[in-house]
PDB file of N, CA and C in Angstrom:
ATOM      1  N   MET A   1      11.898   7.570  26.328  1.00  0.00           N
ATOM      2  CA  MET A   1      10.908   8.408  25.661  1.00  0.00           C
ATOM      3  C   MET A   1      11.432   9.838  25.627  1.00  0.00           C
ATOM      4  N   ASN A   2      11.190  10.494  24.532  1.00  0.00           N
ATOM      5  CA  ASN A   2      11.559  11.895  24.352  1.00  0.00           C
ATOM      6  C   ASN A   2      10.928  12.719  25.481  1.00  0.00           C
ATOM      7  N   PRO A   3      11.714  13.536  26.208  1.00  0.00           N
ATOM      8  CA  PRO A   3      11.148  14.318  27.325  1.00  0.00           C
ATOM      9  C   PRO A   3      10.026  15.266  26.881  1.00  0.00           C
ATOM     10  N   ASP A   4      10.160  15.862  25.687  1.00  0.00           N
ATOM     11  CA  ASP A   4       9.096  16.747  25.197  1.00  0.00           C
ATOM     12  C   ASP A   4       7.814  15.968  24.957  1.00  0.00           C
ATOM     13  N   ARG A   5       7.966  14.768  24.395  1.00  0.00           N
ATOM     14  CA  ARG A   5       6.797  13.917  24.136  1.00  0.00           C
ATOM     15  C   ARG A   5       6.135  13.521  25.454  1.00  0.00           C
ATOM     16  N   GLU A   6       6.944  13.097  26.408  1.00  0.00           N
ATOM     17  CA  GLU A   6       6.407  12.681  27.702  1.00  0.00           C
ATOM     18  C   GLU A   6       5.672  13.828  28.380  1.00  0.00           C
ATOM     19  N   GLN A   7       6.268  15.023  28.341  1.00  0.00           N
ATOM     20  CA  GLN A   7       5.633  16.191  28.950  1.00  0.00           C
ATOM     21  C   GLN A   7       4.312  16.516  28.249  1.00  0.00           C
ATOM     22  N   PHE A   8       4.302  16.439  26.913  1.00  0.00           N
ATOM     23  CA  PHE A   8       3.082  16.713  26.162  1.00  0.00           C
ATOM     24  C   PHE A   8       1.988  15.708  26.495  1.00  0.00           C
ATOM     25  N   LEU A   9       2.336  14.424  26.515  1.00  0.00           N
ATOM     26  CA  LEU A   9       1.336  13.390  26.766  1.00  0.00           C
ATOM     27  C   LEU A   9       0.784  13.436  28.191  1.00  0.00           C
ATOM     28  N   ASN A  10       1.519  14.073  29.103  1.00  0.00           N
ATOM     29  CA  ASN A  10       1.059  14.178  30.487  1.00  0.00           C
ATOM     30  C   ASN A  10       0.288  15.461  30.769  1.00  0.00           C
ATOM     31  N   LEU A  11       0.038  16.282  29.753  1.00  0.00           N
ATOM     32  CA  LEU A  11      -0.740  17.505  29.952  1.00  0.00           C
ATOM     33  C   LEU A  11      -2.159  17.161  30.387  1.00  0.00           C
ATOM     34  N   LYS A  12      -2.684  17.930  31.325  1.00  0.00           N
ATOM     35  CA  LYS A  12      -4.071  17.716  31.776  1.00  0.00           C
ATOM     36  C   LYS A  12      -5.062  18.142  30.697  1.00  0.00           C
ATOM     37  N   ALA A  13      -4.768  19.262  30.027  1.00  0.00           N
ATOM     38  CA  ALA A  13      -5.637  19.752  28.952  1.00  0.00           C
ATOM     39  C   ALA A  13      -4.764  20.042  27.738  1.00  0.00           C
ATOM     40  N   ASN A  14      -5.123  19.441  26.610  1.00  0.00           N
ATOM     41  CA  ASN A  14      -4.377  19.678  25.379  1.00  0.00           C
ATOM     42  C   ASN A  14      -4.820  20.976  24.724  1.00  0.00           C
ATOM     43  N   PRO A  15      -3.927  21.617  23.968  1.00  0.00           N
ATOM     44  CA  PRO A  15      -4.339  22.815  23.227  1.00  0.00           C
ATOM     45  C   PRO A  15      -5.355  22.439  22.147  1.00  0.00           C
ATOM     46  N   ALA A  16      -6.051  23.435  21.618  1.00  0.00           N
ATOM     47  CA  ALA A  16      -7.099  23.195  20.620  1.00  0.00           C
ATOM     48  C   ALA A  16      -6.538  22.714  19.294  1.00  0.00           C
ATOM     49  N   ARG A  17      -5.316  23.098  18.980  1.00  0.00           N
ATOM     50  CA  ARG A  17      -4.697  22.628  17.738  1.00  0.00           C
ATOM     51  C   ARG A  17      -3.300  22.112  18.042  1.00  0.00           C
ATOM     52  N   LEU A  18      -2.902  21.116  17.256  1.00  0.00           N
ATOM     53  CA  LEU A  18      -1.612  20.471  17.461  1.00  0.00           C
ATOM     54  C   LEU A  18      -0.797  20.540  16.180  1.00  0.00           C
ATOM     55  N   ASN A  19       0.522  20.694  16.332  1.00  0.00           N
ATOM     56  CA  ASN A  19       1.380  20.679  15.146  1.00  0.00           C
ATOM     57  C   ASN A  19       1.654  19.225  14.746  1.00  0.00           C
ATOM     58  N   VAL A  20       2.466  19.012  13.731  1.00  0.00           N
ATOM     59  CA  VAL A  20       2.714  17.664  13.197  1.00  0.00           C
ATOM     60  C   VAL A  20       3.348  16.759  14.257  1.00  0.00           C
ATOM     61  N   ASP A  21       4.335  17.264  14.976  1.00  0.00           N
ATOM     62  CA  ASP A  21       4.978  16.446  16.016  1.00  0.00           C
ATOM     63  C   ASP A  21       3.976  16.029  17.092  1.00  0.00           C
ATOM     64  N   GLU A  22       3.211  17.001  17.577  1.00  0.00           N
ATOM     65  CA  GLU A  22       2.241  16.727  18.632  1.00  0.00           C
ATOM     66  C   GLU A  22       1.138  15.783  18.151  1.00  0.00           C
ATOM     67  N   ALA A  23       0.681  15.969  16.915  1.00  0.00           N
ATOM     68  CA  ALA A  23      -0.347  15.079  16.355  1.00  0.00           C
ATOM     69  C   ALA A  23       0.191  13.653  16.273  1.00  0.00           C
ATOM     70  N   GLY A  24       1.436  13.527  15.861  1.00  0.00           N
ATOM     71  CA  GLY A  24       2.063  12.204  15.806  1.00  0.00           C
ATOM     72  C   GLY A  24       2.149  11.571  17.179  1.00  0.00           C
ATOM     73  N   TRP A  25       2.594  12.336  18.159  1.00  0.00           N
ATOM     74  CA  TRP A  25       2.681  11.817  19.531  1.00  0.00           C
ATOM     75  C   TRP A  25       1.305  11.375  20.015  1.00  0.00           C
ATOM     76  N   TYR A  26       0.304  12.220  19.769  1.00  0.00           N
ATOM     77  CA  TYR A  26      -1.047  11.943  20.260  1.00  0.00           C
ATOM     78  C   TYR A  26      -1.631  10.675  19.638  1.00  0.00           C
ATOM     79  N   LEU A  27      -1.385  10.483  18.343  1.00  0.00           N
ATOM     80  CA  LEU A  27      -1.957   9.330  17.643  1.00  0.00           C
ATOM     81  C   LEU A  27      -1.068   8.089  17.679  1.00  0.00           C
ATOM     82  N   GLY A  28       0.185   8.262  18.089  1.00  0.00           N
ATOM     83  CA  GLY A  28       1.093   7.122  18.153  1.00  0.00           C
ATOM     84  C   GLY A  28       1.866   6.889  16.865  1.00  0.00           C
ATOM     85  N   PHE A  29       1.977   7.913  16.026  1.00  0.00           N
ATOM     86  CA  PHE A  29       2.731   7.832  14.778  1.00  0.00           C
ATOM     87  C   PHE A  29       3.954   8.731  14.876  1.00  0.00           C
ATOM     88  N   SER A  30       4.914   8.501  14.001  1.00  0.00           N
ATOM     89  CA  SER A  30       6.078   9.381  13.909  1.00  0.00           C
ATOM     90  C   SER A  30       5.680  10.653  13.185  1.00  0.00           C
ATOM     91  N   ALA A  31       6.427  11.721  13.443  1.00  0.00           N
ATOM     92  CA  ALA A  31       6.138  12.998  12.780  1.00  0.00           C
ATOM     93  C   ALA A  31       6.261  12.861  11.265  1.00  0.00           C
ATOM     94  N   HIS A  32       7.186  12.038  10.776  1.00  0.00           N
ATOM     95  CA  HIS A  32       7.344  11.889   9.323  1.00  0.00           C
ATOM     96  C   HIS A  32       6.249  11.026   8.693  1.00  0.00           C
ATOM     97  N   GLU A  33       5.435  10.360   9.500  1.00  0.00           N
ATOM     98  CA  GLU A  33       4.320   9.571   8.970  1.00  0.00           C
ATOM     99  C   GLU A  33       3.046  10.406   8.806  1.00  0.00           C
ATOM    100  N   ILE A  34       2.958  11.516   9.500  1.00  0.00           N
ATOM    101  CA  ILE A  34       1.763  12.364   9.430  1.00  0.00           C
ATOM    102  C   ILE A  34       1.543  12.895   8.004  1.00  0.00           C
ATOM    103  N   PRO A  35       2.575  13.407   7.307  1.00  0.00           N
ATOM    104  CA  PRO A  35       2.347  13.848   5.925  1.00  0.00           C
ATOM    105  C   PRO A  35       1.862  12.722   4.997  1.00  0.00           C
ATOM    106  N   ILE A  36       2.262  11.497   5.268  1.00  0.00           N
ATOM    107  CA  ILE A  36       1.785  10.355   4.476  1.00  0.00           C
ATOM    108  C   ILE A  36       0.281  10.190   4.684  1.00  0.00           C
ATOM    109  N   LEU A  37      -0.165  10.287   5.932  1.00  0.00           N
ATOM    110  CA  LEU A  37      -1.592  10.153   6.235  1.00  0.00           C
ATOM    111  C   LEU A  37      -2.394  11.304   5.624  1.00  0.00           C
ATOM    112  N   VAL A  38      -1.811  12.499   5.613  1.00  0.00           N
ATOM    113  CA  VAL A  38      -2.481  13.650   4.994  1.00  0.00           C
ATOM    114  C   VAL A  38      -2.592  13.430   3.490  1.00  0.00           C
ATOM    115  N   ALA A  39      -1.503  12.987   2.864  1.00  0.00           N
ATOM    116  CA  ALA A  39      -1.503  12.766   1.408  1.00  0.00           C
ATOM    117  C   ALA A  39      -2.503  11.688   0.997  1.00  0.00           C
ATOM    118  N   ARG A  40      -2.719  10.698   1.854  1.00  0.00           N
ATOM    119  CA  ARG A  40      -3.652   9.607   1.541  1.00  0.00           C
ATOM    120  C   ARG A  40      -5.089   9.932   1.955  1.00  0.00           C
ATOM    121  N   GLY A  41      -5.303  11.131   2.515  1.00  0.00           N
ATOM    122  CA  GLY A  41      -6.645  11.566   2.868  1.00  0.00           C
ATOM    123  C   GLY A  41      -7.164  11.029   4.199  1.00  0.00           C
ATOM    124  N   LEU A  42      -6.283  10.480   5.022  1.00  0.00           N
ATOM    125  CA  LEU A  42      -6.726   9.952   6.314  1.00  0.00           C
ATOM    126  C   LEU A  42      -6.680  11.000   7.416  1.00  0.00           C
ATOM    127  N   LEU A  43      -5.977  12.091   7.196  1.00  0.00           N
ATOM    128  CA  LEU A  43      -5.920  13.215   8.133  1.00  0.00           C
ATOM    129  C   LEU A  43      -6.094  14.500   7.336  1.00  0.00           C
ATOM    130  N   SER A  44      -6.755  15.469   7.950  1.00  0.00           N
ATOM    131  CA  SER A  44      -6.928  16.763   7.287  1.00  0.00           C
ATOM    132  C   SER A  44      -6.400  17.869   8.194  1.00  0.00           C
ATOM    133  N   PRO A  45      -5.489  18.688   7.685  1.00  0.00           N
ATOM    134  CA  PRO A  45      -5.017  19.810   8.489  1.00  0.00           C
ATOM    135  C   PRO A  45      -6.090  20.900   8.567  1.00  0.00           C
ATOM    136  N   LEU A  46      -5.946  21.765   9.539  1.00  0.00           N
ATOM    137  CA  LEU A  46      -6.868  22.887   9.685  1.00  0.00           C
ATOM    138  C   LEU A  46      -6.632  23.910   8.580  1.00  0.00           C
ATOM    139  N   GLY A  47      -7.698  24.498   8.097  1.00  0.00           N
ATOM    140  CA  GLY A  47      -7.584  25.548   7.088  1.00  0.00           C
ATOM    141  C   GLY A  47      -7.050  25.027   5.775  1.00  0.00           C
ATOM    142  N   ARG A  48      -6.390  25.923   5.052  1.00  0.00           N
ATOM    143  CA  ARG A  48      -5.758  25.575   3.777  1.00  0.00           C
ATOM    144  C   ARG A  48      -4.301  26.009   3.811  1.00  0.00           C
ATOM    145  N   PRO A  49      -3.467  25.259   4.529  1.00  0.00           N
ATOM    146  CA  PRO A  49      -2.069  25.665   4.642  1.00  0.00           C
ATOM    147  C   PRO A  49      -1.332  25.483   3.319  1.00  0.00           C
ATOM    148  N   PRO A  50      -0.323  26.320   3.066  1.00  0.00           N
ATOM    149  CA  PRO A  50       0.470  26.118   1.845  1.00  0.00           C
ATOM    150  C   PRO A  50       1.211  24.790   1.914  1.00  0.00           C
ATOM    151  N   ALA A  51       1.571  24.264   0.763  1.00  0.00           N
ATOM    152  CA  ALA A  51       2.225  22.948   0.701  1.00  0.00           C
ATOM    153  C   ALA A  51       3.490  22.889   1.554  1.00  0.00           C
ATOM    154  N   ASN A  52       4.240  23.977   1.586  1.00  0.00           N
ATOM    155  CA  ASN A  52       5.483  23.975   2.354  1.00  0.00           C
ATOM    156  C   ASN A  52       5.349  24.669   3.708  1.00  0.00           C
ATOM    157  N   GLY A  53       4.122  24.954   4.131  1.00  0.00           N
ATOM    158  CA  GLY A  53       3.888  25.627   5.403  1.00  0.00           C
ATOM    159  C   GLY A  53       3.604  24.648   6.524  1.00  0.00           C
ATOM    160  N   PRO A  54       3.621  25.141   7.767  1.00  0.00           N
ATOM    161  CA  PRO A  54       3.311  24.261   8.899  1.00  0.00           C
ATOM    162  C   PRO A  54       1.848  23.837   8.880  1.00  0.00           C
ATOM    163  N   LYS A  55       1.613  22.617   9.315  1.00  0.00           N
ATOM    164  CA  LYS A  55       0.253  22.076   9.358  1.00  0.00           C
ATOM    165  C   LYS A  55      -0.166  21.952  10.822  1.00  0.00           C
ATOM    166  N   TYR A  56      -1.423  22.258  11.077  1.00  0.00           N
ATOM    167  CA  TYR A  56      -1.996  22.109  12.410  1.00  0.00           C
ATOM    168  C   TYR A  56      -3.250  21.257  12.296  1.00  0.00           C
ATOM    169  N   PHE A  57      -3.549  20.542  13.372  1.00  0.00           N
ATOM    170  CA  PHE A  57      -4.676  19.619  13.382  1.00  0.00           C
ATOM    171  C   PHE A  57      -5.533  19.884  14.617  1.00  0.00           C
ATOM    172  N   ALA A  58      -6.848  19.767  14.457  1.00  0.00           N
ATOM    173  CA  ALA A  58      -7.776  19.994  15.561  1.00  0.00           C
ATOM    174  C   ALA A  58      -7.679  18.849  16.559  1.00  0.00           C
ATOM    175  N   THR A  59      -7.474  19.194  17.810  1.00  0.00           N
ATOM    176  CA  THR A  59      -7.373  18.190  18.861  1.00  0.00           C
ATOM    177  C   THR A  59      -8.652  17.374  18.965  1.00  0.00           C
ATOM    178  N   GLU A  60      -9.779  18.023  18.781  1.00  0.00           N
ATOM    179  CA  GLU A  60     -11.076  17.330  18.861  1.00  0.00           C
ATOM    180  C   GLU A  60     -11.158  16.218  17.813  1.00  0.00           C
ATOM    181  N   THR A  61     -10.758  16.516  16.591  1.00  0.00           N
ATOM    182  CA  THR A  61     -10.769  15.522  15.519  1.00  0.00           C
ATOM    183  C   THR A  61      -9.787  14.392  15.824  1.00  0.00           C
ATOM    184  N   LEU A  62      -8.587  14.763  16.265  1.00  0.00           N
ATOM    185  CA  LEU A  62      -7.582  13.753  16.601  1.00  0.00           C
ATOM    186  C   LEU A  62      -8.047  12.866  17.750  1.00  0.00           C
ATOM    187  N   SER A  63      -8.793  13.448  18.682  1.00  0.00           N
ATOM    188  CA  SER A  63      -9.324  12.674  19.806  1.00  0.00           C
ATOM    189  C   SER A  63     -10.301  11.605  19.319  1.00  0.00           C
ATOM    190  N   GLU A  64     -11.134  11.962  18.352  1.00  0.00           N
ATOM    191  CA  GLU A  64     -12.069  10.984  17.784  1.00  0.00           C
ATOM    192  C   GLU A  64     -11.314   9.874  17.053  1.00  0.00           C
ATOM    193  N   LEU A  65     -10.298  10.256  16.283  1.00  0.00           N
ATOM    194  CA  LEU A  65      -9.505   9.266  15.547  1.00  0.00           C
ATOM    195  C   LEU A  65      -8.710   8.378  16.505  1.00  0.00           C
ATOM    196  N   HIS A  66      -8.255   8.961  17.593  1.00  0.00           N
ATOM    197  CA  HIS A  66      -7.482   8.246  18.621  1.00  0.00           C
ATOM    198  C   HIS A  66      -8.289   7.067  19.192  1.00  0.00           C
ATOM    199  N   LYS A  67      -9.599   7.230  19.250  1.00  0.00           N
ATOM    200  CA  LYS A  67     -10.484   6.199  19.809  1.00  0.00           C
ATOM    201  C   LYS A  67     -11.026   5.235  18.752  1.00  0.00           C
ATOM    202  N   ASP A  68     -10.835   5.558  17.478  1.00  0.00           N
ATOM    203  CA  ASP A  68     -11.403   4.775  16.379  1.00  0.00           C
ATOM    204  C   ASP A  68     -10.425   3.676  15.950  1.00  0.00           C
ATOM    205  N   VAL A  69     -10.688   2.460  16.390  1.00  0.00           N
ATOM    206  CA  VAL A  69      -9.795   1.330  16.123  1.00  0.00           C
ATOM    207  C   VAL A  69      -9.714   1.037  14.624  1.00  0.00           C
ATOM    208  N   LYS A  70     -10.821   1.153  13.916  1.00  0.00           N
ATOM    209  CA  LYS A  70     -10.811   0.898  12.468  1.00  0.00           C
ATOM    210  C   LYS A  70      -9.939   1.919  11.743  1.00  0.00           C
ATOM    211  N   TRP A  71     -10.035   3.190  12.136  1.00  0.00           N
ATOM    212  CA  TRP A  71      -9.209   4.217  11.514  1.00  0.00           C
ATOM    213  C   TRP A  71      -7.731   3.966  11.814  1.00  0.00           C
ATOM    214  N   LEU A  72      -7.435   3.620  13.056  1.00  0.00           N
ATOM    215  CA  LEU A  72      -6.037   3.337  13.420  1.00  0.00           C
ATOM    216  C   LEU A  72      -5.480   2.167  12.605  1.00  0.00           C
ATOM    217  N   ALA A  73      -6.293   1.157  12.371  1.00  0.00           N
ATOM    218  CA  ALA A  73      -5.862   0.016  11.564  1.00  0.00           C
ATOM    219  C   ALA A  73      -5.616   0.450  10.116  1.00  0.00           C
ATOM    220  N   ARG A  74      -6.525   1.251   9.550  1.00  0.00           N
ATOM    221  CA  ARG A  74      -6.345   1.740   8.185  1.00  0.00           C
ATOM    222  C   ARG A  74      -5.104   2.615   8.070  1.00  0.00           C
ATOM    223  N   ALA A  75      -4.908   3.498   9.053  1.00  0.00           N
ATOM    224  CA  ALA A  75      -3.743   4.381   9.038  1.00  0.00           C
ATOM    225  C   ALA A  75      -2.451   3.572   9.142  1.00  0.00           C
ATOM    226  N   SER A  76      -2.431   2.576  10.012  1.00  0.00           N
ATOM    227  CA  SER A  76      -1.247   1.725  10.164  1.00  0.00           C
ATOM    228  C   SER A  76      -0.975   0.948   8.888  1.00  0.00           C
ATOM    229  N   ASP A  77      -2.024   0.406   8.278  1.00  0.00           N
ATOM    230  CA  ASP A  77      -1.868  -0.320   7.011  1.00  0.00           C
ATOM    231  C   ASP A  77      -1.356   0.600   5.906  1.00  0.00           C
ATOM    232  N   THR A  78      -1.825   1.836   5.900  1.00  0.00           N
ATOM    233  CA  THR A  78      -1.388   2.814   4.908  1.00  0.00           C
ATOM    234  C   THR A  78       0.101   3.093   5.033  1.00  0.00           C
ATOM    235  N   ILE A  79       0.584   3.235   6.262  1.00  0.00           N
ATOM    236  CA  ILE A  79       2.013   3.489   6.491  1.00  0.00           C
ATOM    237  C   ILE A  79       2.831   2.288   6.033  1.00  0.00           C
ATOM    238  N   VAL A  80       2.392   1.091   6.385  1.00  0.00           N
ATOM    239  CA  VAL A  80       3.112  -0.127   5.972  1.00  0.00           C
ATOM    240  C   VAL A  80       3.148  -0.217   4.451  1.00  0.00           C
ATOM    241  N   GLN A  81       2.013   0.025   3.808  1.00  0.00           N
ATOM    242  CA  GLN A  81       1.937  -0.054   2.342  1.00  0.00           C
ATOM    243  C   GLN A  81       2.835   0.989   1.688  1.00  0.00           C
ATOM    244  N   TYR A  82       2.871   2.192   2.246  1.00  0.00           N
ATOM    245  CA  TYR A  82       3.716   3.255   1.712  1.00  0.00           C
ATOM    246  C   TYR A  82       5.179   2.814   1.696  1.00  0.00           C
ATOM    247  N   TRP A  83       5.666   2.313   2.840  1.00  0.00           N
ATOM    248  CA  TRP A  83       7.076   1.915   2.916  1.00  0.00           C
ATOM    249  C   TRP A  83       7.355   0.675   2.082  1.00  0.00           C
ATOM    250  N   LYS A  84       6.384  -0.210   1.992  1.00  0.00           N
ATOM    251  CA  LYS A  84       6.552  -1.406   1.170  1.00  0.00           C
ATOM    252  C   LYS A  84       6.744  -1.017  -0.294  1.00  0.00           C
ATOM    253  N   SER A  85       5.905  -0.121  -0.795  1.00  0.00           N
ATOM    254  CA  SER A  85       6.018   0.287  -2.195  1.00  0.00           C
ATOM    255  C   SER A  85       7.268   1.119  -2.423  1.00  0.00           C
ATOM    256  N   LYS A  86       7.624   1.959  -1.463  1.00  0.00           N
ATOM    257  CA  LYS A  86       8.834   2.769  -1.613  1.00  0.00           C
ATOM    258  C   LYS A  86      10.076   1.874  -1.648  1.00  0.00           C
ATOM    259  N   ASN A  87      10.126   0.890  -0.780  1.00  0.00           N
ATOM    260  CA  ASN A  87      11.258  -0.036  -0.765  1.00  0.00           C
ATOM    261  C   ASN A  87      11.290  -0.890  -2.029  1.00  0.00           C
ATOM    262  N   ALA A  88      10.133  -1.261  -2.549  1.00  0.00           N
ATOM    263  CA  ALA A  88      10.079  -2.050  -3.780  1.00  0.00           C
ATOM    264  C   ALA A  88      10.591  -1.233  -4.960  1.00  0.00           C
ATOM    265  N   ARG A  89      10.222   0.042  -5.010  1.00  0.00           N
ATOM    266  CA  ARG A  89      10.721   0.910  -6.079  1.00  0.00           C
ATOM    267  C   ARG A  89      12.232   1.039  -5.994  1.00  0.00           C
ATOM    268  N   LYS A  90      12.736   1.202  -4.775  1.00  0.00           N
ATOM    269  CA  LYS A  90      14.171   1.357  -4.583  1.00  0.00           C
ATOM    270  C   LYS A  90      14.905   0.082  -4.977  1.00  0.00           C
ATOM    271  N   SER A  91      14.437  -1.065  -4.530  1.00  0.00           N
ATOM    272  CA  SER A  91      15.112  -2.321  -4.868  1.00  0.00           C
ATOM    273  C   SER A  91      14.932  -2.648  -6.344  1.00  0.00           C
ATOM    274  N   GLY A  92      13.814  -2.252  -6.948  1.00  0.00           N
ATOM    275  CA  GLY A  92      13.611  -2.446  -8.379  1.00  0.00           C
ATOM    276  C   GLY A  92      14.599  -1.626  -9.191  1.00  0.00           C
ATOM    277  N   ALA A  93      14.885  -0.423  -8.752  1.00  0.00           N
ATOM    278  CA  ALA A  93      15.851   0.429  -9.453  1.00  0.00           C
ATOM    279  C   ALA A  93      17.253  -0.156  -9.329  1.00  0.00           C
ATOM    280  N   VAL A  94      17.565  -0.724  -8.177  1.00  0.00           N
ATOM    281  CA  VAL A  94      18.876  -1.340  -7.983  1.00  0.00           C
ATOM    282  C   VAL A  94      19.006  -2.554  -8.880  1.00  0.00           C
ATOM    283  N   ARG A  95      17.962  -3.372  -8.957  1.00  0.00           N
ATOM    284  CA  ARG A  95      17.986  -4.561  -9.813  1.00  0.00           C
ATOM    285  C   ARG A  95      18.142  -4.184 -11.282  1.00  0.00           C
ATOM    286  N   GLU A  96      17.408  -3.144 -11.715  1.00  0.00           N
ATOM    287  CA  GLU A  96      17.499  -2.692 -13.096  1.00  0.00           C
ATOM    288  C   GLU A  96      18.910  -2.248 -13.431  1.00  0.00           C
ATOM    289  N   THR A  97      19.502  -1.464 -12.558  1.00  0.00           N
ATOM    290  CA  THR A  97      20.856  -0.967 -12.775  1.00  0.00           C
ATOM    291  C   THR A  97      21.840  -2.127 -12.827  1.00  0.00           C
ATOM    292  N   THR A  98      21.704  -3.070 -11.921  1.00  0.00           N
ATOM    293  CA  THR A  98      22.598  -4.219 -11.880  1.00  0.00           C
ATOM    294  C   THR A  98      22.442  -5.072 -13.127  1.00  0.00           C
ATOM    295  N   SER A  99      21.204  -5.359 -13.531  1.00  0.00           N
ATOM    296  CA  SER A  99      20.989  -6.218 -14.699  1.00  0.00           C
ATOM    297  C   SER A  99      21.448  -5.523 -15.971  1.00  0.00           C
ATOM    298  N   SER A 100      21.279  -4.213 -16.076  1.00  0.00           N
ATOM    299  CA  SER A 100      21.736  -3.525 -17.289  1.00  0.00           C
ATOM    300  C   SER A 100      23.254  -3.511 -17.352  1.00  0.00           C
ATOM    301  N   ARG A 101      23.916  -3.429 -16.211  1.00  0.00           N
ATOM    302  CA  ARG A 101      25.376  -3.473 -16.199  1.00  0.00           C
ATOM    303  C   ARG A 101      25.875  -4.846 -16.634  1.00  0.00           C
ATOM    304  N   VAL A 102      25.236  -5.891 -16.151  1.00  0.00           N
ATOM    305  CA  VAL A 102      25.626  -7.250 -16.523  1.00  0.00           C
ATOM    306  C   VAL A 102      25.426  -7.418 -18.021  1.00  0.00           C
ATOM    307  N   GLY A 103      24.285  -6.952 -18.540  1.00  0.00           N
ATOM    308  CA  GLY A 103      24.014  -7.058 -19.967  1.00  0.00           C
ATOM    309  C   GLY A 103      25.012  -6.261 -20.786  1.00  0.00           C
ATOM    310  N   ASP A 104      25.389  -5.076 -20.308  1.00  0.00           N
ATOM    311  CA  ASP A 104      26.362  -4.249 -21.011  1.00  0.00           C
ATOM    312  C   ASP A 104      27.708  -4.952 -21.090  1.00  0.00           C
ATOM    313  N   ASN A 105      28.110  -5.543 -19.963  1.00  0.00           N
ATOM    314  CA  ASN A 105      29.392  -6.244 -19.946  1.00  0.00           C
ATOM    315  C   ASN A 105      29.361  -7.450 -20.873  1.00  0.00           C
ATOM    316  N   PHE A 106      28.257  -8.151 -20.896  1.00  0.00           N
ATOM    317  CA  PHE A 106      28.126  -9.336 -21.754  1.00  0.00           C
ATOM    318  C   PHE A 106      28.195  -8.918 -23.219  1.00  0.00           C
ATOM    319  N   ASN A 107      27.428  -7.870 -23.571  1.00  0.00           N
ATOM    320  CA  ASN A 107      27.422  -7.390 -24.964  1.00  0.00           C
ATOM    321  C   ASN A 107      28.800  -6.880 -25.369  1.00  0.00           C
ATOM    322  N   HIS A 108      29.486  -6.246 -24.450  1.00  0.00           N
ATOM    323  CA  HIS A 108      30.806  -5.702 -24.729  1.00  0.00           C
ATOM    324  C   HIS A 108      31.794  -6.836 -25.008  1.00  0.00           C
ATOM    325  N   CYS A 109      31.692  -7.932 -24.276  1.00  0.00           N
ATOM    326  CA  CYS A 109      32.588  -9.083 -24.471  1.00  0.00           C
ATOM    327  C   CYS A 109      32.337  -9.769 -25.799  1.00  0.00           C
ATOM    328  N   MET A 110      31.087  -9.721 -26.286  1.00  0.00           N
ATOM    329  CA  MET A 110      30.719 -10.440 -27.496  1.00  0.00           C
ATOM    330  C   MET A 110      31.189  -9.726 -28.756  1.00  0.00           C
ATOM    331  N   THR A 111      31.531  -8.452 -28.666  1.00  0.00           N
ATOM    332  CA  THR A 111      31.927  -7.717 -29.871  1.00  0.00           C
ATOM    333  C   THR A 111      33.411  -7.717 -30.095  1.00  0.00           C
TER     334      THR A 111
END
C-alpha cells in the first residue's frame, strides 16, 4: 500500500475537504476514476472549480457516500461501463483501420 495512502487512512480526524487523491483513497477508487464519477454526476466538487483546476470534496458528503452500498454499486458500475465503452471504441477503430486496409489491398489488386 502507498505509504501516503496508509498514513491518510489511519488519521484519527480527517480534514473538512479532500483533494482528488484523498477522495479516491477514502472511497476506494483510483484518483483517475474520480473525474469519471464527477462527469457522470455521481460526485460533486466543492464550489465551482475551473475545468482545469484542482477539485476538492467535502469529507462529510464522502462519508455518507462511503456508507451507501447502493451508491458504491452505481459508482463501480459506472467505472466498469466507462472502460468497457472506451475499450470498445478503441477496438472498433482498430477493426475499421484493419478492414479498410484489407479492402484497399483487394481493390488495388483488382485494377
